Amino acid sequence: MATEENAAAAEKKPAPQLNIRAQITRSLTFTNPGALKRFEKTPTISVNINVDAAKGSGTENDYLVGLKIEAKARSEEEEVYSLSLDYAGLFSIANVDANMMEAVLLVECPRLIFPFARRIIADVTRDAGYQPMMLDPVDFVALYRREIERRKAAQPDQKVN
């Protein structure tokens, strides 16, 4: 009987919805101090990616999720180029349980906009005269899990009386 009641309740609950309403480049910076030396050696590239999410200013279902990607290319002790991209998506999210919202914002939303940010970075580096920087796919689940662990470690131990 309980199984039939659970099935009936599941049928009445609306399906989760996740829609991209807009995508924007909030900021893009590329500096190229090593332009004339770019053919001497293959640079070492370091990449840093951060995700942020906030309530949007539109409807109650709007959320703004951003990817901040920084890349630096160095050859020995000299900077070849540096790139900073702040790319965001405006999402409309409905019918998602409150306990799942953070995971949707920090995993699913970045996963949807990452390919567009990746293309911008590839185009900018190619247009600057370098091999296009093709970022590897990002495991946003692993990043989210690390953030959860970081939060747990930052909390003081709770004693139970």
N, C-alpha and C. Protein backbone atom coordinates (compact mmCIF):
# COMPACT_ATOMS: atom_id res chain seq x y z
N MET A 1 0.81 -1.20 0.00
CA MET A 1 0.00 0.00 0.00
C MET A 1 0.86 1.26 0.00
N ALA A 2 1.95 1.24 0.81
CA ALA A 2 2.82 2.41 0.89
C ALA A 2 3.49 2.69 -0.44
N THR A 3 3.80 1.64 -1.17
CA THR A 3 4.43 1.81 -2.48
C THR A 3 3.49 2.52 -3.44
N GLU A 4 2.22 2.16 -3.41
CA GLU A 4 1.24 2.82 -4.27
C GLU A 4 1.08 4.29 -3.89
N GLU A 5 1.12 4.59 -2.58
CA GLU A 5 1.00 5.97 -2.12
C GLU A 5 2.22 6.78 -2.54
N ASN A 6 3.42 6.17 -2.45
CA ASN A 6 4.64 6.86 -2.88
C ASN A 6 4.61 7.12 -4.38
N ALA A 7 4.13 6.15 -5.15
CA ALA A 7 4.04 6.33 -6.60
C ALA A 7 3.04 7.43 -6.94
N ALA A 8 1.93 7.48 -6.23
CA ALA A 8 0.93 8.53 -6.48
C ALA A 8 1.48 9.90 -6.13
N ALA A 9 2.23 9.98 -5.01
CA ALA A 9 2.83 11.26 -4.62
C ALA A 9 3.88 11.71 -5.64
N ALA A 10 4.65 10.76 -6.16
CA ALA A 10 5.68 11.09 -7.16
C ALA A 10 5.05 11.61 -8.44
N GLU A 11 3.89 11.05 -8.81
CA GLU A 11 3.21 11.51 -10.02
C GLU A 11 2.69 12.93 -9.87
N LYS A 12 2.29 13.32 -8.67
CA LYS A 12 1.75 14.66 -8.44
C LYS A 12 2.84 15.72 -8.37
N LYS A 13 4.04 15.33 -7.98
CA LYS A 13 5.14 16.28 -7.82
C LYS A 13 5.67 16.69 -9.20
N PRO A 14 5.74 17.99 -9.46
CA PRO A 14 6.23 18.43 -10.78
C PRO A 14 7.72 18.07 -10.96
N ALA A 15 8.09 17.80 -12.19
CA ALA A 15 9.47 17.44 -12.51
C ALA A 15 10.39 18.64 -12.30
N PRO A 16 11.62 18.38 -11.85
CA PRO A 16 12.60 19.48 -11.72
C PRO A 16 12.85 20.13 -13.09
N GLN A 17 13.05 21.44 -13.07
CA GLN A 17 13.33 22.18 -14.31
C GLN A 17 14.59 23.02 -14.12
N LEU A 18 15.43 22.99 -15.13
CA LEU A 18 16.67 23.77 -15.14
C LEU A 18 16.80 24.35 -16.54
N ASN A 19 16.67 25.68 -16.65
CA ASN A 19 16.74 26.35 -17.95
C ASN A 19 17.79 27.45 -17.90
N ILE A 20 18.56 27.56 -18.98
CA ILE A 20 19.52 28.66 -19.11
C ILE A 20 18.78 29.81 -19.77
N ARG A 21 18.68 30.93 -19.04
CA ARG A 21 17.98 32.09 -19.60
C ARG A 21 18.93 33.00 -20.35
N ALA A 22 20.20 33.05 -19.92
CA ALA A 22 21.19 33.91 -20.58
C ALA A 22 22.59 33.45 -20.18
N GLN A 23 23.56 33.77 -21.04
CA GLN A 23 24.96 33.54 -20.73
C GLN A 23 25.70 34.83 -21.05
N ILE A 24 26.64 35.19 -20.16
CA ILE A 24 27.34 36.46 -20.36
C ILE A 24 28.81 36.33 -19.98
N THR A 25 29.62 37.09 -20.69
CA THR A 25 31.01 37.27 -20.29
C THR A 25 31.02 38.51 -19.41
N ARG A 26 31.23 38.31 -18.11
CA ARG A 26 31.25 39.45 -17.19
C ARG A 26 32.58 40.19 -17.28
N SER A 27 33.66 39.44 -17.53
CA SER A 27 34.98 40.06 -17.61
C SER A 27 35.92 39.12 -18.36
N LEU A 28 36.76 39.70 -19.22
CA LEU A 28 37.77 38.94 -19.95
C LEU A 28 39.01 39.80 -20.07
N THR A 29 40.13 39.26 -19.57
CA THR A 29 41.40 39.97 -19.65
C THR A 29 42.44 39.02 -20.21
N PHE A 30 43.20 39.50 -21.19
CA PHE A 30 44.30 38.72 -21.75
C PHE A 30 45.50 39.64 -21.88
N THR A 31 46.59 39.26 -21.24
CA THR A 31 47.84 40.02 -21.40
C THR A 31 48.84 39.12 -22.08
N ASN A 32 49.65 39.73 -22.93
CA ASN A 32 50.53 38.97 -23.82
C ASN A 32 51.95 39.54 -23.82
N PRO A 33 52.62 39.60 -22.65
CA PRO A 33 53.95 40.21 -22.62
C PRO A 33 55.01 39.39 -23.35
N GLY A 34 54.76 38.10 -23.56
CA GLY A 34 55.76 37.26 -24.23
C GLY A 34 55.48 37.03 -25.69
N ALA A 35 54.74 37.95 -26.32
CA ALA A 35 54.31 37.74 -27.70
C ALA A 35 55.48 37.49 -28.66
N LEU A 36 56.54 38.23 -28.52
CA LEU A 36 57.65 38.07 -29.45
C LEU A 36 58.50 36.85 -29.14
N LYS A 37 58.37 36.30 -27.95
CA LYS A 37 59.16 35.14 -27.57
C LYS A 37 58.36 33.85 -27.63
N ARG A 38 57.18 33.88 -28.16
CA ARG A 38 56.29 32.73 -28.07
C ARG A 38 56.78 31.51 -28.82
N PHE A 39 57.68 31.66 -29.73
CA PHE A 39 58.13 30.51 -30.51
C PHE A 39 59.40 29.88 -29.96
N GLU A 40 59.98 30.47 -28.90
CA GLU A 40 61.23 29.95 -28.36
C GLU A 40 61.06 28.62 -27.65
N LYS A 41 60.14 28.52 -26.72
CA LYS A 41 59.91 27.29 -25.95
C LYS A 41 58.43 27.13 -25.68
N THR A 42 58.05 25.88 -25.41
CA THR A 42 56.66 25.62 -25.05
C THR A 42 56.45 26.06 -23.61
N PRO A 43 55.48 26.92 -23.35
CA PRO A 43 55.28 27.41 -21.98
C PRO A 43 54.61 26.37 -21.10
N THR A 44 54.78 26.54 -19.80
CA THR A 44 54.08 25.76 -18.80
C THR A 44 52.81 26.53 -18.45
N ILE A 45 51.69 25.85 -18.46
CA ILE A 45 50.41 26.52 -18.24
C ILE A 45 49.79 26.03 -16.94
N SER A 46 49.33 26.97 -16.12
CA SER A 46 48.58 26.63 -14.91
C SER A 46 47.19 27.23 -15.03
N VAL A 47 46.20 26.47 -14.56
CA VAL A 47 44.80 26.89 -14.67
C VAL A 47 44.14 26.77 -13.30
N ASN A 48 43.33 27.76 -12.96
CA ASN A 48 42.58 27.77 -11.72
C ASN A 48 41.11 28.06 -12.06
N ILE A 49 40.19 27.24 -11.54
CA ILE A 49 38.77 27.41 -11.82
C ILE A 49 38.00 27.52 -10.51
N ASN A 50 37.14 28.54 -10.40
CA ASN A 50 36.27 28.71 -9.24
C ASN A 50 34.84 28.87 -9.72
N VAL A 51 33.92 28.40 -8.89
CA VAL A 51 32.49 28.50 -9.19
C VAL A 51 31.83 29.32 -8.10
N ASP A 52 30.93 30.22 -8.50
CA ASP A 52 30.14 30.95 -7.52
C ASP A 52 28.68 30.95 -7.97
N ALA A 53 27.80 31.05 -7.00
CA ALA A 53 26.37 31.06 -7.31
C ALA A 53 25.67 32.03 -6.37
N ALA A 54 24.68 32.72 -6.89
CA ALA A 54 23.91 33.67 -6.09
C ALA A 54 22.48 33.73 -6.62
N LYS A 55 21.60 34.15 -5.75
CA LYS A 55 20.21 34.36 -6.14
C LYS A 55 20.17 35.46 -7.19
N GLY A 56 19.44 35.26 -8.27
CA GLY A 56 19.30 36.27 -9.30
C GLY A 56 18.36 37.38 -8.87
N SER A 57 18.34 38.45 -9.61
CA SER A 57 17.50 39.59 -9.25
C SER A 57 16.14 39.56 -9.95
N GLY A 58 15.91 38.55 -10.77
CA GLY A 58 14.63 38.45 -11.49
C GLY A 58 13.58 37.77 -10.64
N THR A 59 13.07 36.66 -11.12
CA THR A 59 12.04 35.93 -10.40
C THR A 59 12.64 35.15 -9.25
N GLU A 60 11.78 34.56 -8.44
CA GLU A 60 12.26 33.78 -7.29
C GLU A 60 13.01 32.53 -7.71
N ASN A 61 12.88 32.11 -8.96
CA ASN A 61 13.56 30.92 -9.46
C ASN A 61 14.87 31.23 -10.19
N ASP A 62 15.28 32.50 -10.24
CA ASP A 62 16.48 32.88 -10.98
C ASP A 62 17.73 32.78 -10.12
N TYR A 63 18.78 32.22 -10.71
CA TYR A 63 20.07 32.09 -10.04
C TYR A 63 21.16 32.44 -11.05
N LEU A 64 22.18 33.14 -10.58
CA LEU A 64 23.32 33.50 -11.41
C LEU A 64 24.50 32.64 -10.97
N VAL A 65 25.03 31.86 -11.90
CA VAL A 65 26.15 30.96 -11.60
C VAL A 65 27.33 31.38 -12.45
N GLY A 66 28.47 31.61 -11.80
CA GLY A 66 29.65 32.08 -12.51
C GLY A 66 30.81 31.11 -12.47
N LEU A 67 31.58 31.14 -13.53
CA LEU A 67 32.85 30.42 -13.61
C LEU A 67 33.94 31.46 -13.71
N LYS A 68 34.90 31.38 -12.82
CA LYS A 68 36.06 32.26 -12.90
C LYS A 68 37.26 31.39 -13.23
N ILE A 69 37.81 31.63 -14.40
CA ILE A 69 38.91 30.80 -14.89
C ILE A 69 40.12 31.70 -15.11
N GLU A 70 41.21 31.32 -14.49
CA GLU A 70 42.48 32.04 -14.67
C GLU A 70 43.51 31.07 -15.20
N ALA A 71 44.26 31.52 -16.19
CA ALA A 71 45.32 30.70 -16.77
C ALA A 71 46.55 31.56 -16.94
N LYS A 72 47.69 30.97 -16.62
CA LYS A 72 48.97 31.66 -16.79
C LYS A 72 49.91 30.72 -17.53
N ALA A 73 50.57 31.26 -18.53
CA ALA A 73 51.58 30.51 -19.28
C ALA A 73 52.93 31.14 -19.00
N ARG A 74 53.88 30.29 -18.58
CA ARG A 74 55.23 30.77 -18.26
C ARG A 74 56.24 29.95 -19.03
N SER A 75 57.30 30.60 -19.44
CA SER A 75 58.44 29.94 -20.04
C SER A 75 59.64 30.30 -19.18
N GLU A 76 60.16 29.30 -18.48
CA GLU A 76 61.20 29.51 -17.48
C GLU A 76 60.70 30.51 -16.45
N GLU A 77 61.32 31.66 -16.31
CA GLU A 77 60.90 32.64 -15.30
C GLU A 77 60.08 33.78 -15.88
N GLU A 78 59.78 33.72 -17.16
CA GLU A 78 59.05 34.81 -17.80
C GLU A 78 57.60 34.44 -18.07
N GLU A 79 56.72 35.41 -17.85
CA GLU A 79 55.32 35.20 -18.19
C GLU A 79 55.16 35.33 -19.69
N VAL A 80 54.51 34.35 -20.29
CA VAL A 80 54.24 34.39 -21.73
C VAL A 80 52.90 35.07 -21.95
N TYR A 81 51.86 34.59 -21.23
CA TYR A 81 50.56 35.27 -21.28
C TYR A 81 49.77 34.90 -20.03
N SER A 82 48.77 35.72 -19.76
CA SER A 82 47.83 35.41 -18.67
C SER A 82 46.43 35.75 -19.16
N LEU A 83 45.49 34.98 -18.66
CA LEU A 83 44.11 35.12 -19.08
C LEU A 83 43.23 35.01 -17.86
N SER A 84 42.21 35.84 -17.81
CA SER A 84 41.22 35.78 -16.73
C SER A 84 39.84 35.94 -17.37
N LEU A 85 38.99 34.95 -17.14
CA LEU A 85 37.64 34.97 -17.69
C LEU A 85 36.64 34.79 -16.55
N ASP A 86 35.68 35.69 -16.48
CA ASP A 86 34.56 35.57 -15.55
C ASP A 86 33.32 35.41 -16.43
N TYR A 87 32.81 34.19 -16.49
CA TYR A 87 31.71 33.84 -17.38
C TYR A 87 30.54 33.37 -16.52
N ALA A 88 29.33 33.77 -16.85
CA ALA A 88 28.18 33.43 -16.01
C ALA A 88 26.98 33.00 -16.83
N GLY A 89 26.13 32.26 -16.17
CA GLY A 89 24.86 31.86 -16.75
C GLY A 89 23.74 32.24 -15.81
N LEU A 90 22.66 32.74 -16.36
CA LEU A 90 21.46 33.03 -15.58
C LEU A 90 20.53 31.84 -15.77
N PHE A 91 20.22 31.18 -14.68
CA PHE A 91 19.42 29.96 -14.72
C PHE A 91 18.07 30.16 -14.04
N SER A 92 17.07 29.52 -14.59
CA SER A 92 15.77 29.44 -13.96
C SER A 92 15.65 28.00 -13.46
N ILE A 93 15.51 27.85 -12.14
CA ILE A 93 15.47 26.52 -11.54
C ILE A 93 14.18 26.40 -10.74
N ALA A 94 13.43 25.36 -11.03
CA ALA A 94 12.15 25.16 -10.34
C ALA A 94 11.99 23.69 -9.98
N ASN A 95 11.21 23.46 -8.93
CA ASN A 95 10.83 22.13 -8.49
C ASN A 95 12.03 21.27 -8.08
N VAL A 96 13.04 21.91 -7.51
CA VAL A 96 14.21 21.19 -7.00
C VAL A 96 14.15 21.24 -5.48
N ASP A 97 14.32 20.09 -4.85
CA ASP A 97 14.31 20.04 -3.38
C ASP A 97 15.39 20.95 -2.83
N ALA A 98 15.09 21.61 -1.73
CA ALA A 98 16.03 22.55 -1.11
C ALA A 98 17.36 21.89 -0.78
N ASN A 99 17.33 20.62 -0.35
CA ASN A 99 18.58 19.94 -0.01
C ASN A 99 19.43 19.60 -1.23
N MET A 100 18.88 19.72 -2.43
CA MET A 100 19.63 19.45 -3.66
C MET A 100 20.03 20.71 -4.41
N MET A 101 19.50 21.86 -3.98
CA MET A 101 19.73 23.10 -4.72
C MET A 101 21.21 23.45 -4.83
N GLU A 102 21.96 23.34 -3.74
CA GLU A 102 23.38 23.68 -3.79
C GLU A 102 24.12 22.82 -4.81
N ALA A 103 23.84 21.53 -4.84
CA ALA A 103 24.49 20.65 -5.81
C ALA A 103 24.12 21.03 -7.24
N VAL A 104 22.88 21.39 -7.46
CA VAL A 104 22.46 21.81 -8.80
C VAL A 104 23.22 23.08 -9.21
N LEU A 105 23.32 24.03 -8.27
CA LEU A 105 23.99 25.30 -8.58
C LEU A 105 25.50 25.15 -8.79
N LEU A 106 26.13 24.26 -8.03
CA LEU A 106 27.60 24.16 -8.08
C LEU A 106 28.11 23.00 -8.93
N VAL A 107 27.20 22.16 -9.43
CA VAL A 107 27.62 21.04 -10.28
C VAL A 107 26.95 21.13 -11.65
N GLU A 108 25.63 21.07 -11.66
CA GLU A 108 24.92 20.99 -12.95
C GLU A 108 25.01 22.28 -13.75
N CYS A 109 24.81 23.41 -13.11
CA CYS A 109 24.87 24.69 -13.84
C CYS A 109 26.25 24.95 -14.43
N PRO A 110 27.34 24.82 -13.65
CA PRO A 110 28.66 25.03 -14.26
C PRO A 110 28.95 24.04 -15.38
N ARG A 111 28.48 22.81 -15.23
CA ARG A 111 28.69 21.80 -16.27
C ARG A 111 28.05 22.24 -17.59
N LEU A 112 26.93 22.94 -17.52
CA LEU A 112 26.24 23.40 -18.73
C LEU A 112 26.94 24.58 -19.40
N ILE A 113 27.52 25.50 -18.62
CA ILE A 113 28.14 26.67 -19.23
C ILE A 113 29.64 26.51 -19.51
N PHE A 114 30.27 25.50 -18.91
CA PHE A 114 31.72 25.32 -19.10
C PHE A 114 32.14 25.20 -20.57
N PRO A 115 31.45 24.44 -21.41
CA PRO A 115 31.90 24.35 -22.81
C PRO A 115 31.97 25.71 -23.53
N PHE A 116 31.10 26.63 -23.16
CA PHE A 116 31.11 27.95 -23.79
C PHE A 116 32.31 28.78 -23.31
N ALA A 117 32.60 28.69 -22.01
CA ALA A 117 33.78 29.38 -21.47
C ALA A 117 35.05 28.77 -22.07
N ARG A 118 35.08 27.46 -22.21
CA ARG A 118 36.23 26.76 -22.80
C ARG A 118 36.48 27.25 -24.22
N ARG A 119 35.41 27.43 -24.99
CA ARG A 119 35.56 27.90 -26.38
C ARG A 119 36.11 29.32 -26.42
N ILE A 120 35.64 30.18 -25.52
CA ILE A 120 36.15 31.56 -25.47
C ILE A 120 37.65 31.55 -25.22
N ILE A 121 38.09 30.75 -24.26
CA ILE A 121 39.52 30.67 -23.93
C ILE A 121 40.32 30.14 -25.11
N ALA A 122 39.83 29.13 -25.78
CA ALA A 122 40.52 28.59 -26.96
C ALA A 122 40.63 29.64 -28.05
N ASP A 123 39.54 30.38 -28.29
CA ASP A 123 39.56 31.41 -29.33
C ASP A 123 40.52 32.54 -28.99
N VAL A 124 40.52 32.99 -27.75
CA VAL A 124 41.39 34.11 -27.35
C VAL A 124 42.86 33.72 -27.49
N THR A 125 43.22 32.54 -27.00
CA THR A 125 44.63 32.14 -27.09
C THR A 125 45.04 31.90 -28.54
N ARG A 126 44.17 31.34 -29.34
CA ARG A 126 44.48 31.14 -30.76
C ARG A 126 44.64 32.49 -31.47
N ASP A 127 43.73 33.43 -31.19
CA ASP A 127 43.79 34.74 -31.83
C ASP A 127 45.03 35.53 -31.40
N ALA A 128 45.61 35.17 -30.25
CA ALA A 128 46.83 35.84 -29.79
C ALA A 128 48.08 35.23 -30.41
N GLY A 129 47.91 34.18 -31.21
CA GLY A 129 49.04 33.60 -31.92
C GLY A 129 49.58 32.33 -31.30
N TYR A 130 48.89 31.76 -30.32
CA TYR A 130 49.33 30.54 -29.66
C TYR A 130 48.46 29.37 -30.10
N GLN A 131 48.89 28.18 -29.70
CA GLN A 131 48.01 27.03 -29.86
C GLN A 131 46.77 27.30 -29.02
N PRO A 132 45.59 26.97 -29.50
CA PRO A 132 44.39 27.18 -28.68
C PRO A 132 44.51 26.40 -27.37
N MET A 133 44.19 27.05 -26.27
CA MET A 133 44.20 26.38 -24.98
C MET A 133 42.89 25.60 -24.87
N MET A 134 43.00 24.30 -24.95
CA MET A 134 41.83 23.43 -24.87
C MET A 134 41.78 22.85 -23.46
N LEU A 135 40.98 23.47 -22.61
CA LEU A 135 40.85 23.00 -21.23
C LEU A 135 40.24 21.61 -21.21
N ASP A 136 40.78 20.76 -20.36
CA ASP A 136 40.20 19.44 -20.16
C ASP A 136 38.84 19.59 -19.50
N PRO A 137 37.97 18.61 -19.69
CA PRO A 137 36.69 18.66 -18.98
C PRO A 137 36.94 18.74 -17.47
N VAL A 138 36.04 19.40 -16.77
CA VAL A 138 36.17 19.59 -15.33
C VAL A 138 35.17 18.69 -14.62
N ASP A 139 35.64 18.02 -13.58
CA ASP A 139 34.78 17.19 -12.75
C ASP A 139 34.19 18.07 -11.66
N PHE A 140 33.05 18.68 -11.94
CA PHE A 140 32.44 19.59 -10.98
C PHE A 140 31.92 18.86 -9.75
N VAL A 141 31.63 17.57 -9.87
CA VAL A 141 31.23 16.78 -8.71
C VAL A 141 32.39 16.70 -7.73
N ALA A 142 33.59 16.41 -8.23
CA ALA A 142 34.77 16.33 -7.36
C ALA A 142 35.06 17.69 -6.72
N LEU A 143 34.92 18.77 -7.48
CA LEU A 143 35.13 20.11 -6.90
C LEU A 143 34.12 20.38 -5.79
N TYR A 144 32.88 19.99 -6.00
CA TYR A 144 31.82 20.18 -5.00
C TYR A 144 32.13 19.37 -3.74
N ARG A 145 32.54 18.13 -3.94
CA ARG A 145 32.88 17.28 -2.78
C ARG A 145 34.04 17.88 -1.98
N ARG A 146 35.05 18.39 -2.68
CA ARG A 146 36.18 19.04 -1.98
C ARG A 146 35.71 20.25 -1.19
N GLU A 147 34.77 21.01 -1.76
CA GLU A 147 34.23 22.18 -1.05
C GLU A 147 33.48 21.74 0.20
N ILE A 148 32.72 20.68 0.12
CA ILE A 148 32.00 20.16 1.29
C ILE A 148 33.00 19.73 2.36
N GLU A 149 34.05 19.03 1.96
CA GLU A 149 35.08 18.59 2.92
C GLU A 149 35.80 19.79 3.53
N ARG A 150 36.06 20.82 2.72
CA ARG A 150 36.72 22.02 3.22
C ARG A 150 35.85 22.69 4.28
N ARG A 151 34.56 22.75 4.03
CA ARG A 151 33.62 23.35 4.99
C ARG A 151 33.59 22.56 6.29
N LYS A 152 33.56 21.23 6.18
CA LYS A 152 33.53 20.39 7.37
C LYS A 152 34.80 20.59 8.20
N ALA A 153 35.95 20.67 7.52
CA ALA A 153 37.22 20.86 8.23
C ALA A 153 37.30 22.23 8.88
N ALA A 154 36.63 23.22 8.31
CA ALA A 154 36.68 24.58 8.86
C ALA A 154 35.77 24.75 10.07
N GLN A 155 34.80 23.85 10.25
CA GLN A 155 33.89 23.96 11.38
C GLN A 155 34.56 23.42 12.63
N PRO A 156 34.38 24.11 13.76
CA PRO A 156 34.94 23.56 15.00
C PRO A 156 34.17 22.30 15.39
N ASP A 157 34.87 21.40 16.06
CA ASP A 157 34.24 20.15 16.49
C ASP A 157 33.08 20.44 17.41
N GLN A 158 31.97 19.78 17.15
CA GLN A 158 30.79 19.92 17.97
C GLN A 158 30.76 18.79 19.00
N LYS A 159 30.63 19.15 20.28
CA LYS A 159 30.54 18.14 21.32
C LYS A 159 29.08 17.88 21.63
N VAL A 160 28.76 16.60 21.77
CA VAL A 160 27.40 16.21 22.10
C VAL A 160 27.33 15.96 23.60
N ASN A 161 26.37 16.57 24.31
CA ASN A 161 26.23 16.38 25.75
C ASN A 161 25.32 15.24 26.06
